[in-house]
């Protein structure tokens, strides 16, 4: 998020505005399904994310999962009063079964509330922190089609940052 973003808006409006600045998110037609303060769910239709076999393209799956993880960290940090640049540091993806319908990615902080608290404390003390996020896209039956475990880095912006 840019520092000039109006924080009086609902978090999903701010996240939608941030994602609108990402060409891939626009091309994939990513939309926010829900956010409850702990879990972010993003949707994308199959049509612009289909592969040559008619199921979800692996690149679209991993992109949606990464966007969900990034968005979750962004929203939770904003709620805690932090203005940060957020980057994915590393990730591991598992493709478990084909997805023949629309994509829905869910992201949650991996671990417990202590993991998030340690991340926020590191950010406050050092101006940077790392947190692990667990993401999944489920099949219509509820089994995992694709999972992503990622570590995101947040770096506090200074007042002179113009990004």
C-alpha atoms as a PDB file:
ATOM      1  CA  UNK A   1       0.000   0.000   0.000  1.00  0.00           C
ATOM      2  CA  UNK A   2       1.140   3.511  -0.626  1.00  0.00           C
ATOM      3  CA  UNK A   3       1.516   5.797   2.359  1.00  0.00           C
ATOM      4  CA  UNK A   4      -1.133   8.119   0.900  1.00  0.00           C
ATOM      5  CA  UNK A   5      -3.824   5.406   0.874  1.00  0.00           C
ATOM      6  CA  UNK A   6      -6.849   6.445   2.914  1.00  0.00           C
ATOM      7  CA  UNK A   7      -6.888   4.242   6.013  1.00  0.00           C
ATOM      8  CA  UNK A   8     -10.519   5.141   6.714  1.00  0.00           C
ATOM      9  CA  UNK A   9     -11.568   2.774   3.903  1.00  0.00           C
ATOM     10  CA  UNK A  10     -12.539  -0.823   4.596  1.00  0.00           C
ATOM     11  CA  UNK A  11      -9.469  -3.123   4.452  1.00  0.00           C
ATOM     12  CA  UNK A  12     -10.816  -5.022   1.443  1.00  0.00           C
ATOM     13  CA  UNK A  13     -11.178  -1.754  -0.506  1.00  0.00           C
ATOM     14  CA  UNK A  14      -7.555  -0.856   0.231  1.00  0.00           C
ATOM     15  CA  UNK A  15      -6.361  -4.338  -0.734  1.00  0.00           C
ATOM     16  CA  UNK A  16      -8.381  -4.249  -3.956  1.00  0.00           C
ATOM     17  CA  UNK A  17      -6.752  -0.915  -4.821  1.00  0.00           C
ATOM     18  CA  UNK A  18      -3.284  -2.348  -4.142  1.00  0.00           C
ATOM     19  CA  UNK A  19      -3.983  -5.429  -6.275  1.00  0.00           C
ATOM     20  CA  UNK A  20      -5.321  -3.235  -9.083  1.00  0.00           C
ATOM     21  CA  UNK A  21      -1.756  -1.902  -9.427  1.00  0.00           C
ATOM     22  CA  UNK A  22      -0.491  -5.450 -10.135  1.00  0.00           C
ATOM     23  CA  UNK A  23      -0.998  -6.292 -13.830  1.00  0.00           C
ATOM     24  CA  UNK A  24      -1.005 -10.054 -13.217  1.00  0.00           C
ATOM     25  CA  UNK A  25      -3.779  -9.758 -10.596  1.00  0.00           C
ATOM     26  CA  UNK A  26      -5.864  -7.782 -13.084  1.00  0.00           C
ATOM     27  CA  UNK A  27      -5.246 -10.311 -15.870  1.00  0.00           C
ATOM     28  CA  UNK A  28      -6.200 -13.180 -13.566  1.00  0.00           C
ATOM     29  CA  UNK A  29      -9.355 -11.260 -12.512  1.00  0.00           C
ATOM     30  CA  UNK A  30      -8.530 -11.705  -8.819  1.00  0.00           C
ATOM     31  CA  UNK A  31     -11.281 -10.637  -6.419  1.00  0.00           C
ATOM     32  CA  UNK A  32     -11.478 -10.542  -2.644  1.00  0.00           C
ATOM     33  CA  UNK A  33     -13.930 -13.125  -1.329  1.00  0.00           C
ATOM     34  CA  UNK A  34     -13.519 -12.479   2.412  1.00  0.00           C
ATOM     35  CA  UNK A  35     -11.241 -11.267   5.176  1.00  0.00           C
ATOM     36  CA  UNK A  36     -11.936 -11.842   8.863  1.00  0.00           C
ATOM     37  CA  UNK A  37      -8.802 -10.382  10.418  1.00  0.00           C
ATOM     38  CA  UNK A  38      -7.025 -13.758  10.463  1.00  0.00           C
ATOM     39  CA  UNK A  39      -7.747 -15.367   7.104  1.00  0.00           C
ATOM     40  CA  UNK A  40      -7.864 -13.827   3.641  1.00  0.00           C
ATOM     41  CA  UNK A  41      -9.699 -15.584   0.799  1.00  0.00           C
ATOM     42  CA  UNK A  42      -9.220 -14.544  -2.833  1.00  0.00           C
ATOM     43  CA  UNK A  43     -11.115 -15.777  -5.899  1.00  0.00           C
ATOM     44  CA  UNK A  44     -10.248 -15.975  -9.581  1.00  0.00           C
ATOM     45  CA  UNK A  45     -12.367 -17.435 -12.395  1.00  0.00           C
ATOM     46  CA  UNK A  46     -11.082 -20.452 -14.295  1.00  0.00           C
ATOM     47  CA  UNK A  47     -11.466 -18.939 -17.794  1.00  0.00           C
ATOM     48  CA  UNK A  48      -8.445 -16.558 -17.724  1.00  0.00           C
ATOM     49  CA  UNK A  49      -6.434 -19.065 -15.641  1.00  0.00           C
ATOM     50  CA  UNK A  50      -6.934 -22.252 -17.655  1.00  0.00           C
ATOM     51  CA  UNK A  51      -4.217 -24.467 -19.096  1.00  0.00           C
ATOM     52  CA  UNK A  52      -4.157 -26.536 -22.273  1.00  0.00           C
ATOM     53  CA  UNK A  53      -5.970 -29.423 -20.513  1.00  0.00           C
ATOM     54  CA  UNK A  54      -8.909 -27.295 -19.361  1.00  0.00           C
ATOM     55  CA  UNK A  55      -7.984 -27.206 -15.676  1.00  0.00           C
ATOM     56  CA  UNK A  56      -6.355 -24.445 -13.614  1.00  0.00           C
ATOM     57  CA  UNK A  57      -2.898 -23.404 -14.820  1.00  0.00           C
ATOM     58  CA  UNK A  58      -0.202 -24.103 -12.216  1.00  0.00           C
ATOM     59  CA  UNK A  59       1.241 -20.612 -12.619  1.00  0.00           C
ATOM     60  CA  UNK A  60      -2.144 -19.096 -11.842  1.00  0.00           C
ATOM     61  CA  UNK A  61      -2.530 -21.278  -8.752  1.00  0.00           C
ATOM     62  CA  UNK A  62       0.840 -20.278  -7.301  1.00  0.00           C
ATOM     63  CA  UNK A  63       0.250 -16.628  -8.221  1.00  0.00           C
ATOM     64  CA  UNK A  64      -3.137 -16.537  -6.503  1.00  0.00           C
ATOM     65  CA  UNK A  65      -1.699 -18.243  -3.423  1.00  0.00           C
ATOM     66  CA  UNK A  66       1.197 -15.767  -3.294  1.00  0.00           C
ATOM     67  CA  UNK A  67      -1.180 -12.812  -3.672  1.00  0.00           C
ATOM     68  CA  UNK A  68      -3.335 -14.191  -0.850  1.00  0.00           C
ATOM     69  CA  UNK A  69      -0.331 -14.530   1.460  1.00  0.00           C
ATOM     70  CA  UNK A  70       0.974 -11.073   0.573  1.00  0.00           C
ATOM     71  CA  UNK A  71      -2.481  -9.533   1.002  1.00  0.00           C
ATOM     72  CA  UNK A  72      -2.972 -11.192   4.379  1.00  0.00           C
ATOM     73  CA  UNK A  73       0.309  -9.807   5.706  1.00  0.00           C
ATOM     74  CA  UNK A  74      -0.474  -6.362   4.268  1.00  0.00           C
ATOM     75  CA  UNK A  75      -3.933  -6.211   5.888  1.00  0.00           C
ATOM     76  CA  UNK A  76      -2.824  -7.529   9.266  1.00  0.00           C
ATOM     77  CA  UNK A  77       0.115  -5.116   9.411  1.00  0.00           C
ATOM     78  CA  UNK A  78      -2.103  -2.188   8.477  1.00  0.00           C
ATOM     79  CA  UNK A  79      -4.530  -3.169  11.251  1.00  0.00           C
ATOM     80  CA  UNK A  80      -1.592  -3.145  13.673  1.00  0.00           C
ATOM     81  CA  UNK A  81      -0.630   0.370  12.499  1.00  0.00           C
ATOM     82  CA  UNK A  82       2.438  -0.552  10.415  1.00  0.00           C
ATOM     83  CA  UNK A  83       3.211   0.909   6.983  1.00  0.00           C
ATOM     84  CA  UNK A  84       5.519  -1.587   5.274  1.00  0.00           C
ATOM     85  CA  UNK A  85       6.797  -2.919   2.008  1.00  0.00           C
ATOM     86  CA  UNK A  86       6.073  -6.645   1.898  1.00  0.00           C
ATOM     87  CA  UNK A  87       7.998  -9.195  -0.138  1.00  0.00           C
ATOM     88  CA  UNK A  88       7.849 -12.951  -0.502  1.00  0.00           C
ATOM     89  CA  UNK A  89      11.258 -14.265   0.585  1.00  0.00           C
ATOM     90  CA  UNK A  90      10.843 -17.934  -0.229  1.00  0.00           C
ATOM     91  CA  UNK A  91       8.080 -20.424  -0.821  1.00  0.00           C
ATOM     92  CA  UNK A  92       7.321 -24.074  -1.403  1.00  0.00           C
ATOM     93  CA  UNK A  93       4.397 -25.155  -3.571  1.00  0.00           C
ATOM     94  CA  UNK A  94       2.707 -28.546  -3.825  1.00  0.00           C
ATOM     95  CA  UNK A  95       0.376 -29.365  -6.715  1.00  0.00           C
ATOM     96  CA  UNK A  96      -1.779 -32.216  -5.435  1.00  0.00           C
ATOM     97  CA  UNK A  97      -4.652 -32.625  -7.896  1.00  0.00           C
ATOM     98  CA  UNK A  98      -6.140 -30.806 -10.891  1.00  0.00           C
ATOM     99  CA  UNK A  99      -8.684 -28.078 -10.282  1.00  0.00           C
ATOM    100  CA  UNK A 100     -11.434 -28.050 -12.899  1.00  0.00           C
ATOM    101  CA  UNK A 101     -13.332 -25.014 -11.623  1.00  0.00           C
ATOM    102  CA  UNK A 102     -12.826 -21.503 -10.324  1.00  0.00           C
ATOM    103  CA  UNK A 103      -9.900 -20.807  -8.006  1.00  0.00           C
ATOM    104  CA  UNK A 104     -10.310 -19.845  -4.346  1.00  0.00           C
ATOM    105  CA  UNK A 105      -7.154 -19.296  -2.264  1.00  0.00           C
ATOM    106  CA  UNK A 106      -7.126 -19.084   1.524  1.00  0.00           C
ATOM    107  CA  UNK A 107      -4.191 -17.667   3.498  1.00  0.00           C
ATOM    108  CA  UNK A 108      -3.470 -17.813   7.235  1.00  0.00           C
ATOM    109  CA  UNK A 109      -0.391 -17.106   9.323  1.00  0.00           C
ATOM    110  CA  UNK A 110       1.419 -20.408   9.918  1.00  0.00           C
ATOM    111  CA  UNK A 111       1.762 -21.321  13.556  1.00  0.00           C
ATOM    112  CA  UNK A 112      -0.043 -19.557  16.361  1.00  0.00           C
ATOM    113  CA  UNK A 113      -0.659 -16.039  17.602  1.00  0.00           C
ATOM    114  CA  UNK A 114       2.835 -16.055  19.141  1.00  0.00           C
ATOM    115  CA  UNK A 115       4.396 -16.318  15.665  1.00  0.00           C
ATOM    116  CA  UNK A 116       2.523 -13.196  14.573  1.00  0.00           C
ATOM    117  CA  UNK A 117       3.402 -11.379  17.814  1.00  0.00           C
ATOM    118  CA  UNK A 118       7.101 -12.187  17.343  1.00  0.00           C
ATOM    119  CA  UNK A 119       6.922 -10.896  13.758  1.00  0.00           C
ATOM    120  CA  UNK A 120       5.307  -7.612  14.842  1.00  0.00           C
ATOM    121  CA  UNK A 121       7.816  -7.238  17.703  1.00  0.00           C
ATOM    122  CA  UNK A 122      10.738  -7.727  15.305  1.00  0.00           C
ATOM    123  CA  UNK A 123       9.232  -5.171  12.967  1.00  0.00           C
ATOM    124  CA  UNK A 124       8.825  -2.652  15.795  1.00  0.00           C
ATOM    125  CA  UNK A 125      12.351  -3.230  17.161  1.00  0.00           C
ATOM    126  CA  UNK A 126      14.348  -3.697  13.962  1.00  0.00           C
ATOM    127  CA  UNK A 127      12.209  -2.152  11.252  1.00  0.00           C
ATOM    128  CA  UNK A 128      11.879  -5.526   9.556  1.00  0.00           C
ATOM    129  CA  UNK A 129      10.471  -8.945  10.272  1.00  0.00           C
ATOM    130  CA  UNK A 130       9.617 -12.309   8.742  1.00  0.00           C
ATOM    131  CA  UNK A 131       6.512 -14.412   9.052  1.00  0.00           C
ATOM    132  CA  UNK A 132       5.420 -17.744   7.592  1.00  0.00           C
ATOM    133  CA  UNK A 133       2.065 -17.993   5.852  1.00  0.00           C
ATOM    134  CA  UNK A 134       0.164 -21.161   4.897  1.00  0.00           C
ATOM    135  CA  UNK A 135      -2.063 -20.975   1.823  1.00  0.00           C
ATOM    136  CA  UNK A 136      -4.298 -23.439   0.018  1.00  0.00           C
ATOM    137  CA  UNK A 137      -6.614 -23.817  -2.954  1.00  0.00           C
ATOM    138  CA  UNK A 138      -9.188 -26.532  -2.365  1.00  0.00           C
ATOM    139  CA  UNK A 139     -11.084 -28.689  -4.814  1.00  0.00           C
ATOM    140  CA  UNK A 140     -14.899 -28.606  -4.768  1.00  0.00           C
ATOM    141  CA  UNK A 141     -14.802 -31.690  -2.499  1.00  0.00           C
ATOM    142  CA  UNK A 142     -12.597 -29.846   0.010  1.00  0.00           C
ATOM    143  CA  UNK A 143      -9.298 -31.652  -0.574  1.00  0.00           C
ATOM    144  CA  UNK A 144      -6.194 -29.617  -1.380  1.00  0.00           C
ATOM    145  CA  UNK A 145      -5.573 -28.956  -5.061  1.00  0.00           C
ATOM    146  CA  UNK A 146      -2.508 -26.816  -4.322  1.00  0.00           C
ATOM    147  CA  UNK A 147      -0.716 -25.584  -1.196  1.00  0.00           C
ATOM    148  CA  UNK A 148       1.908 -22.941  -0.624  1.00  0.00           C
ATOM    149  CA  UNK A 149       4.068 -22.356   2.439  1.00  0.00           C
ATOM    150  CA  UNK A 150       5.814 -19.006   2.179  1.00  0.00           C
ATOM    151  CA  UNK A 151       7.949 -16.689   4.243  1.00  0.00           C
ATOM    152  CA  UNK A 152       7.150 -13.012   3.813  1.00  0.00           C
ATOM    153  CA  UNK A 153       9.421 -10.141   4.805  1.00  0.00           C
ATOM    154  CA  UNK A 154       8.085  -6.769   5.882  1.00  0.00           C
ATOM    155  CA  UNK A 155      10.288  -3.684   5.915  1.00  0.00           C
ATOM    156  CA  UNK A 156       8.984  -0.574   7.625  1.00  0.00           C
ATOM    157  CA  UNK A 157       8.731   2.437   5.370  1.00  0.00           C
ATOM    158  CA  UNK A 158      10.372   5.652   6.441  1.00  0.00           C
ATOM    159  CA  UNK A 159       8.600   8.959   6.112  1.00  0.00           C
ATOM    160  CA  UNK A 160      10.816   9.796   3.116  1.00  0.00           C
ATOM    161  CA  UNK A 161       9.813   6.666   1.142  1.00  0.00           C
ATOM    162  CA  UNK A 162       7.854   7.615  -1.966  1.00  0.00           C
ATOM    163  CA  UNK A 163       6.926   4.090  -3.112  1.00  0.00           C
END
